[in-house]
Structure formats: C-alpha cells, structure tokens
Amino acid sequence: MTAWGQHERELRAWFTHRLGDANAADDLLQDLFIKALGRSRQFCEMVNARAWLFAVARNTLADHLRLRKDLVELPEDLADPHEEPVPVDTLAACLPRALAELSAQDREALTLCDLEGMNQEAYAQLKGLTLPGAKSRVQRARKRLREHLSTVCQVRLDEAGRVCCFVPRTPPLTPP
C-alpha cells in the first residue's frame, strides 16, 4: 500500500472535521493529492510521509480559509445609508451667486485662474499686467470672495481651517 493510500481516509476525516463540509473536504484532499503527486518519487520515499501530508494539509486548509469569502444575506428592509455631503462640497451651490456679486475684475480673475485653470503668468499677459501684479490681483479677489462668502453665506471654519458649516442662499431671481 502506498503512503497516500495509508493516510487518505485519515486526511479526509481531518478536513471534514475542520470544515464541516464533506464536499469541501474532498476538494482540499484533491488539492493535497496533487501536491503529493508533484513530489513524485520523493513523496514515496519519504521517511515520515504522514507528517509531511499533515503539514501540507494544514497549509492547504489555512489557504482555503484565508481565501474564503462568506456572504451574509442582508434584510430587504435594511436602511440605505445616506452620506451627508461634505460642507465644502455643498458650499459650491453658494459660489455662483457670490461670484456674481463681486466686481467684474474680481470675477474675471477668479473665473480664469481658479475655475478655468489658467496660470497666473498667462493671465498677466492677457491683461497686460506684470506677473507680481497679476498674482496680487488674484490674491485680492480670493480674499474678497472669502470675506463675501463669510458674510452672506455665514461660512464658518473648524479648528483645522476647513469649512464646517454655512447658511445656503437661494439663487438670484432671473427675470422672465
């Protein structure tokens, strides 16, 4: 009788006991058999084939358990978790009206550089300004927008300097 034949029943029982599922045990036993076949003559000539088989069986079981993904059925009446939007994202709704209330020069600087992504050097060339002059204009426009948002939208910052809350404004009325 070969070493495999001597220990196959014991290995099947070992897998079945640990998994509680005879079909899964047979699958792992087959995987173990393939690993033993891969050892070919070395397996048949091992001094303690049983020890080797159980060591490989433990590793095979550990791999199987590690990869197994148990699924849990969720009840139909489970509430859908609705994430609250981040305040700074909802503040974007207040931005178009606040921009419209700034001067044309500030609105243009912020729209071109911050919203449309034009670099300040290109903005300086477009407006016939020096680079430091363009940078100052954009910085002043940002400051006025921040102050305007703080006033009209009552924007507040947390201790880390992030927007934590604000009062939304209704969009401006458009003429019919």
Protein backbone atom coordinates (compact mmCIF):
# COMPACT_ATOMS: atom_id res chain seq x y z
CA MET A 1 0.00 0.00 0.00
CA THR A 2 1.34 3.47 -0.89
CA ALA A 3 1.84 6.28 1.60
CA TRP A 4 -1.14 8.13 0.14
CA GLY A 5 -3.41 5.12 0.43
CA GLN A 6 -2.37 4.63 4.07
CA HIS A 7 -3.36 8.17 5.10
CA GLU A 8 -6.12 9.23 2.70
CA ARG A 9 -9.06 8.29 4.97
CA GLU A 10 -7.47 9.97 7.98
CA LEU A 11 -6.82 13.15 5.98
CA ARG A 12 -10.39 13.19 4.62
CA ALA A 13 -11.74 12.89 8.18
CA TRP A 14 -9.39 15.63 9.37
CA PHE A 15 -10.54 18.04 6.62
CA THR A 16 -14.21 17.13 7.13
CA HIS A 17 -14.00 17.71 10.88
CA ARG A 18 -12.44 21.16 10.42
CA LEU A 19 -14.65 22.33 7.55
CA GLY A 20 -17.95 20.67 8.45
CA ASP A 21 -18.49 20.05 4.73
CA ALA A 22 -17.60 16.73 3.09
CA ASN A 23 -17.56 18.21 -0.44
CA ALA A 24 -15.15 20.98 0.54
CA ALA A 25 -13.04 18.39 2.37
CA ASP A 26 -12.86 16.28 -0.80
CA ASP A 27 -11.80 19.35 -2.80
CA LEU A 28 -8.97 20.11 -0.38
CA LEU A 29 -8.00 16.44 -0.28
CA GLN A 30 -7.70 16.52 -4.07
CA ASP A 31 -5.51 19.64 -3.86
CA LEU A 32 -3.33 17.84 -1.33
CA PHE A 33 -3.11 14.78 -3.60
CA ILE A 34 -1.95 16.98 -6.49
CA LYS A 35 0.74 18.49 -4.26
CA ALA A 36 1.86 15.00 -3.28
CA LEU A 37 1.97 13.97 -6.94
CA GLY A 38 4.15 16.99 -7.60
CA ARG A 39 6.72 15.49 -5.20
CA SER A 40 6.68 12.32 -7.31
CA ARG A 41 9.28 9.79 -6.19
CA GLN A 42 10.38 11.97 -3.27
CA PHE A 43 6.95 11.55 -1.70
CA CYS A 44 7.02 7.77 -1.97
CA GLU A 45 10.49 7.60 -0.49
CA MET A 46 9.82 9.92 2.47
CA VAL A 47 10.66 8.55 5.88
CA ASN A 48 7.60 10.15 7.50
CA ALA A 49 5.06 10.77 4.73
CA ARG A 50 2.23 11.20 7.27
CA ALA A 51 3.96 14.18 8.92
CA TRP A 52 4.55 15.80 5.54
CA LEU A 53 0.95 15.19 4.46
CA PHE A 54 -0.49 16.75 7.61
CA ALA A 55 1.85 19.75 7.42
CA VAL A 56 0.77 20.38 3.83
CA ALA A 57 -2.88 19.71 4.79
CA ARG A 58 -2.69 22.41 7.49
CA ASN A 59 -1.25 24.88 4.98
CA THR A 60 -3.86 23.94 2.38
CA LEU A 61 -6.67 24.44 4.90
CA ALA A 62 -5.22 27.79 6.03
CA ASP A 63 -5.04 28.99 2.41
CA HIS A 64 -8.61 27.85 1.79
CA LEU A 65 -9.93 29.62 4.89
CA ARG A 66 -7.98 32.77 4.11
CA LEU A 67 -9.44 32.98 0.61
CA ARG A 68 -12.99 32.02 1.52
CA LYS A 69 -15.42 34.90 1.44
CA ASP A 70 -18.54 34.21 3.45
CA LEU A 71 -21.56 36.15 2.26
CA VAL A 72 -24.21 37.35 4.63
CA GLU A 73 -27.73 37.92 3.36
CA LEU A 74 -28.93 41.42 4.11
CA PRO A 75 -32.55 42.02 5.08
CA GLU A 76 -34.74 43.69 2.48
CA ASP A 77 -35.78 46.45 4.88
CA LEU A 78 -32.20 47.50 5.64
CA ALA A 79 -31.95 51.27 5.55
CA ASP A 80 -29.86 52.76 2.78
CA PRO A 81 -27.01 54.67 4.42
CA HIS A 82 -27.16 58.15 3.01
CA GLU A 83 -23.93 60.03 3.45
CA GLU A 84 -24.20 63.65 4.37
CA PRO A 85 -22.39 65.77 1.80
CA VAL A 86 -19.19 67.43 2.92
CA PRO A 87 -19.98 71.09 3.75
CA VAL A 88 -17.34 72.45 1.40
CA ASP A 89 -18.94 70.49 -1.49
CA THR A 90 -22.39 71.90 -0.79
CA LEU A 91 -20.86 75.35 -0.50
CA ALA A 92 -20.31 75.16 -4.25
CA ALA A 93 -24.03 75.90 -4.65
CA CYS A 94 -23.45 79.27 -2.99
CA LEU A 95 -20.43 80.09 -5.14
CA PRO A 96 -22.09 81.20 -8.44
CA ARG A 97 -24.25 83.78 -6.68
CA ALA A 98 -21.34 85.03 -4.57
CA LEU A 99 -19.15 85.32 -7.67
CA ALA A 100 -21.89 87.23 -9.48
CA GLU A 101 -21.97 89.74 -6.62
CA LEU A 102 -18.23 90.54 -6.89
CA SER A 103 -16.78 93.23 -9.13
CA ALA A 104 -16.25 92.30 -12.77
CA GLN A 105 -12.48 92.47 -12.31
CA ASP A 106 -12.51 90.08 -9.31
CA ARG A 107 -14.99 87.74 -11.01
CA GLU A 108 -12.86 87.58 -14.16
CA ALA A 109 -9.62 86.90 -12.24
CA LEU A 110 -11.20 84.10 -10.18
CA THR A 111 -13.05 82.58 -13.12
CA LEU A 112 -9.99 82.47 -15.38
CA CYS A 113 -7.36 81.45 -12.82
CA ASP A 114 -9.25 79.35 -10.28
CA LEU A 115 -12.20 77.90 -12.17
CA GLU A 116 -10.81 77.55 -15.69
CA GLY A 117 -7.25 76.71 -14.66
CA MET A 118 -5.37 79.49 -16.46
CA ASN A 119 -1.97 80.03 -14.86
CA GLN A 120 -1.26 83.45 -13.46
CA GLU A 121 1.51 84.13 -15.95
CA ALA A 122 -0.92 83.69 -18.87
CA TYR A 123 -3.47 85.85 -17.02
CA ALA A 124 -0.83 88.57 -16.61
CA GLN A 125 -0.09 88.52 -20.35
CA LEU A 126 -3.80 88.54 -21.21
CA LYS A 127 -4.48 91.56 -19.00
CA GLY A 128 -1.21 93.38 -19.76
CA LEU A 129 -0.01 93.11 -16.15
CA THR A 130 3.29 92.18 -14.60
CA LEU A 131 3.35 88.71 -13.03
CA PRO A 132 3.50 90.15 -9.47
CA GLY A 133 0.60 92.46 -10.37
CA ALA A 134 -1.49 89.54 -11.66
CA LYS A 135 -0.70 87.46 -8.57
CA SER A 136 -1.75 90.35 -6.32
CA ARG A 137 -5.00 90.85 -8.25
CA VAL A 138 -5.91 87.15 -7.94
CA GLN A 139 -4.99 87.06 -4.25
CA ARG A 140 -7.07 90.18 -3.51
CA ALA A 141 -10.03 88.72 -5.45
CA ARG A 142 -9.76 85.47 -3.45
CA LYS A 143 -9.69 87.44 -0.20
CA ARG A 144 -12.76 89.48 -1.19
CA LEU A 145 -14.61 86.29 -2.22
CA ARG A 146 -13.72 84.63 1.11
CA GLU A 147 -14.96 87.68 3.03
CA HIS A 148 -18.11 87.86 0.94
CA LEU A 149 -18.84 84.15 1.49
CA SER A 150 -18.22 84.57 5.22
CA THR A 151 -20.69 87.43 5.33
CA VAL A 152 -23.51 86.40 3.03
CA CYS A 153 -23.32 82.61 3.44
CA GLN A 154 -22.17 82.76 7.06
CA VAL A 155 -19.33 80.32 6.34
CA ARG A 156 -17.56 79.08 9.46
CA LEU A 157 -14.30 77.18 9.67
CA ASP A 158 -13.39 74.46 12.16
CA GLU A 159 -10.18 74.44 14.22
CA ALA A 160 -8.28 72.90 11.29
CA GLY A 161 -9.33 75.71 8.97
CA ARG A 162 -11.80 73.61 6.96
CA VAL A 163 -15.33 74.67 6.10
CA CYS A 164 -17.59 73.15 8.72
CA CYS A 165 -20.90 74.85 8.06
CA PHE A 166 -22.69 77.70 6.29
CA VAL A 167 -26.15 79.05 5.54
CA PRO A 168 -27.15 78.32 1.94
CA ARG A 169 -28.50 81.17 -0.11
CA THR A 170 -31.24 80.95 -2.63
CA PRO A 171 -30.13 81.54 -6.22
CA PRO A 172 -30.77 85.01 -7.60
CA LEU A 173 -34.09 85.56 -9.28
CA THR A 174 -33.81 85.61 -13.03
CA PRO A 175 -36.05 87.97 -14.95
CA PRO A 176 -38.82 86.26 -17.00
